[in-house]
Protein backbone atom coordinates (compact mmCIF):
# COMPACT_ATOMS: atom_id res chain seq x y z
CA GLU A 1 -39.24 -3.09 0.52
CA SER A 2 -41.49 -0.17 1.47
CA ASP A 3 -40.58 2.04 -1.51
CA LYS A 4 -41.68 -0.58 -4.04
CA ILE A 5 -44.97 0.06 -5.82
CA PRO A 6 -47.34 -2.89 -5.40
CA LYS A 7 -47.86 -4.91 -8.59
CA GLU A 8 -51.61 -4.96 -7.90
CA TYR A 9 -51.68 -1.14 -8.01
CA VAL A 10 -49.93 -1.10 -11.39
CA LYS A 11 -52.22 -3.84 -12.72
CA LYS A 12 -55.41 -1.99 -11.65
CA TYR A 13 -54.10 1.32 -12.95
CA MET A 14 -53.25 -0.19 -16.33
CA GLU A 15 -56.69 -1.81 -16.55
CA ASN A 16 -58.31 1.62 -16.15
CA ILE A 17 -55.73 3.81 -17.86
CA ASP A 18 -58.02 4.74 -20.75
CA LYS A 19 -60.38 6.44 -18.25
CA ILE A 20 -57.67 8.76 -16.88
CA ARG A 21 -57.36 12.23 -18.36
CA PRO A 22 -54.73 14.92 -17.87
CA PHE A 23 -55.67 18.29 -16.41
CA PRO A 24 -57.18 20.40 -19.22
CA ASP A 25 -54.14 22.68 -19.58
CA VAL A 26 -51.45 19.96 -19.53
CA VAL A 27 -51.38 19.02 -23.22
CA ASP A 28 -51.45 22.64 -24.42
CA THR A 29 -48.72 23.70 -21.98
CA VAL A 30 -46.44 20.78 -22.89
CA GLN A 31 -46.86 21.61 -26.58
CA LYS A 32 -46.05 25.30 -25.99
CA ILE A 33 -42.97 24.54 -23.88
CA HIS A 34 -41.71 22.16 -26.55
CA LYS A 35 -42.47 24.62 -29.37
CA ASN A 36 -40.47 27.29 -27.51
CA GLY A 37 -37.41 25.04 -27.70
CA HIS A 38 -37.23 23.80 -24.13
CA SER A 39 -36.30 20.22 -23.28
CA ILE A 40 -38.88 18.50 -21.10
CA VAL A 41 -38.04 15.58 -18.85
CA ILE A 42 -40.38 13.68 -16.56
CA LEU A 43 -39.16 12.53 -13.15
CA SER A 44 -41.95 10.77 -11.31
CA HIS A 45 -42.69 8.37 -8.48
CA THR A 46 -45.14 6.71 -10.90
CA PRO A 47 -43.93 3.52 -12.61
CA ARG A 48 -42.63 4.19 -16.14
CA LYS A 49 -45.06 1.68 -17.68
CA ILE A 50 -47.95 3.86 -16.48
CA LEU A 51 -46.23 7.09 -17.55
CA ASP A 52 -45.42 5.77 -21.04
CA GLU A 53 -48.94 4.52 -21.68
CA SER A 54 -50.63 7.66 -20.27
CA LEU A 55 -48.50 9.97 -22.40
CA ARG A 56 -49.11 7.82 -25.48
CA LEU A 57 -52.89 7.89 -24.94
CA TRP A 58 -52.83 11.66 -24.44
CA GLY A 59 -50.79 12.11 -27.64
CA ILE A 60 -47.86 13.88 -25.99
CA SER A 61 -45.19 11.21 -25.54
CA GLY A 62 -43.06 12.69 -28.32
CA TYR A 63 -42.60 15.99 -26.49
CA PHE A 64 -40.34 14.57 -23.79
CA VAL A 65 -36.57 14.12 -24.06
CA ARG A 66 -36.64 11.38 -21.42
CA ILE A 67 -39.12 9.85 -19.01
CA PHE A 68 -37.93 8.56 -15.65
CA GLY A 69 -40.32 6.50 -13.57
CA HIS A 70 -40.00 5.19 -10.04
CA GLU A 71 -37.92 2.17 -11.04
CA ASP A 72 -35.39 4.22 -13.04
CA MET A 73 -33.79 5.91 -10.05
CA LYS A 74 -31.93 4.26 -7.17
CA LYS A 75 -32.79 7.16 -4.88
CA GLN A 76 -36.09 9.02 -4.87
CA LYS A 77 -37.32 12.54 -4.26
CA PRO A 78 -37.08 14.41 -1.87
CA LEU A 79 -33.38 13.55 -2.19
CA PRO A 80 -31.56 15.62 -4.83
CA HIS A 81 -29.84 12.61 -6.42
CA PRO A 82 -32.40 11.92 -9.17
CA ILE A 83 -32.30 15.53 -10.41
CA ILE A 84 -28.51 15.71 -10.25
CA GLU A 85 -28.17 12.36 -12.04
CA ILE A 86 -30.53 13.49 -14.82
CA MET A 87 -28.74 16.84 -15.21
CA HIS A 88 -25.40 15.05 -15.61
CA MET A 89 -26.86 12.47 -17.99
CA LEU A 90 -28.45 15.08 -20.26
CA GLY A 91 -25.89 17.86 -19.98
CA PHE A 92 -28.14 20.25 -18.04
CA ASN A 93 -26.93 22.47 -15.23
CA THR A 94 -28.42 24.33 -12.28
CA THR A 95 -28.97 27.52 -14.28
CA ASN A 96 -30.96 25.87 -17.08
CA THR A 97 -32.98 23.32 -15.11
CA ILE A 98 -36.36 23.97 -13.50
CA MET A 99 -38.41 21.48 -11.48
CA ILE A 100 -42.16 21.81 -11.90
CA GLY A 101 -44.12 19.76 -9.41
CA ASP A 102 -47.27 19.48 -7.35
CA MET A 103 -45.79 17.64 -4.38
CA LYS A 104 -43.69 18.99 -1.53
CA GLU A 105 -41.07 16.33 -2.36
CA ASP A 106 -40.61 17.90 -5.80
CA ILE A 107 -39.81 21.28 -4.25
CA GLN A 108 -37.56 19.79 -1.57
CA SER A 109 -35.62 17.83 -4.18
CA ALA A 110 -35.21 20.90 -6.41
CA LYS A 111 -33.97 23.04 -3.53
CA LYS A 112 -31.43 20.40 -2.46
CA ALA A 113 -30.23 20.10 -6.08
CA GLY A 114 -29.83 23.88 -6.33
CA ILE A 115 -32.34 24.46 -9.13
CA THR A 116 -35.37 26.70 -9.58
CA SER A 117 -38.67 25.23 -8.42
CA ILE A 118 -42.22 25.88 -9.54
CA ALA A 119 -44.95 24.50 -7.31
CA VAL A 120 -48.26 23.82 -9.02
CA SER A 121 -51.25 24.12 -6.73
CA LYS A 122 -54.68 23.39 -8.13
CA GLU A 123 -57.90 22.84 -6.20
CA THR A 124 -57.56 19.11 -6.82
CA SER A 125 -53.86 18.87 -5.92
CA TYR A 126 -52.82 16.32 -3.33
CA HIS A 127 -50.70 18.89 -1.49
CA THR A 128 -52.44 22.16 -0.64
CA ARG A 129 -51.10 25.57 -1.61
CA GLU A 130 -50.34 26.20 2.07
CA LYS A 131 -48.31 22.98 2.34
CA LEU A 132 -46.39 23.75 -0.87
CA SER A 133 -45.76 27.36 0.23
CA LYS A 134 -44.04 26.11 3.39
CA GLU A 135 -41.34 24.60 1.15
CA ASN A 136 -40.54 28.09 -0.23
CA PRO A 137 -40.59 27.33 -3.96
CA HIS A 138 -39.29 30.03 -6.28
CA TYR A 139 -42.76 30.25 -7.79
CA ILE A 140 -46.17 28.91 -6.83
CA ILE A 141 -48.77 28.83 -9.56
CA SER A 142 -52.35 27.69 -9.97
CA SER A 143 -52.49 27.65 -13.77
CA LEU A 144 -50.00 25.90 -16.03
CA ASP A 145 -50.14 28.90 -18.39
CA GLU A 146 -48.01 30.70 -15.81
CA ILE A 147 -45.14 28.30 -16.63
CA ILE A 148 -44.88 29.80 -20.11
CA GLN A 149 -44.55 33.30 -18.63
CA ILE A 150 -41.86 32.14 -16.18
CA LEU A 151 -39.90 30.41 -18.96
CA GLU A 152 -40.09 33.55 -21.12
CA LYS A 153 -38.54 35.50 -18.24
CA TYR A 154 -35.73 32.95 -18.01
CA ASP A 155 -35.17 33.07 -21.77
CA HIS A 156 -34.75 36.86 -21.68
CA GLN A 157 -32.29 36.65 -18.77
CA ARG A 158 -29.96 34.30 -20.63
């Protein structure tokens, strides 16, 4: 099936996982979001085995309520089903759920699920700022620090 991730890819990735580093502001931002009392969930096309090991190596696995990899969802982004399923599972709703992503599929999925979207566009992002902007996210940011400011706005509105 075309949406399956090749075993060879996972094997090679796992062999080199200790060489992979998060963007410099990822760990700090995750810690701040968690400290501010927000629940953080990962929904990724990446296999969970890779996600779990990466987060463990980076020392941030304990900051996430749940981690959903490619194999955990029957349907994938850009469909809204994974987001809706997770919201139901964890008791979230459209007013307290925000999708943060660096792919156009993340923004498309969020829009279809009726939640706020934050597009992250860095110089090294796979999808350019222009491509992400075409999806009309609620916010488009270039620094993860901006997420903290957006969440503070949401906290004050509630």
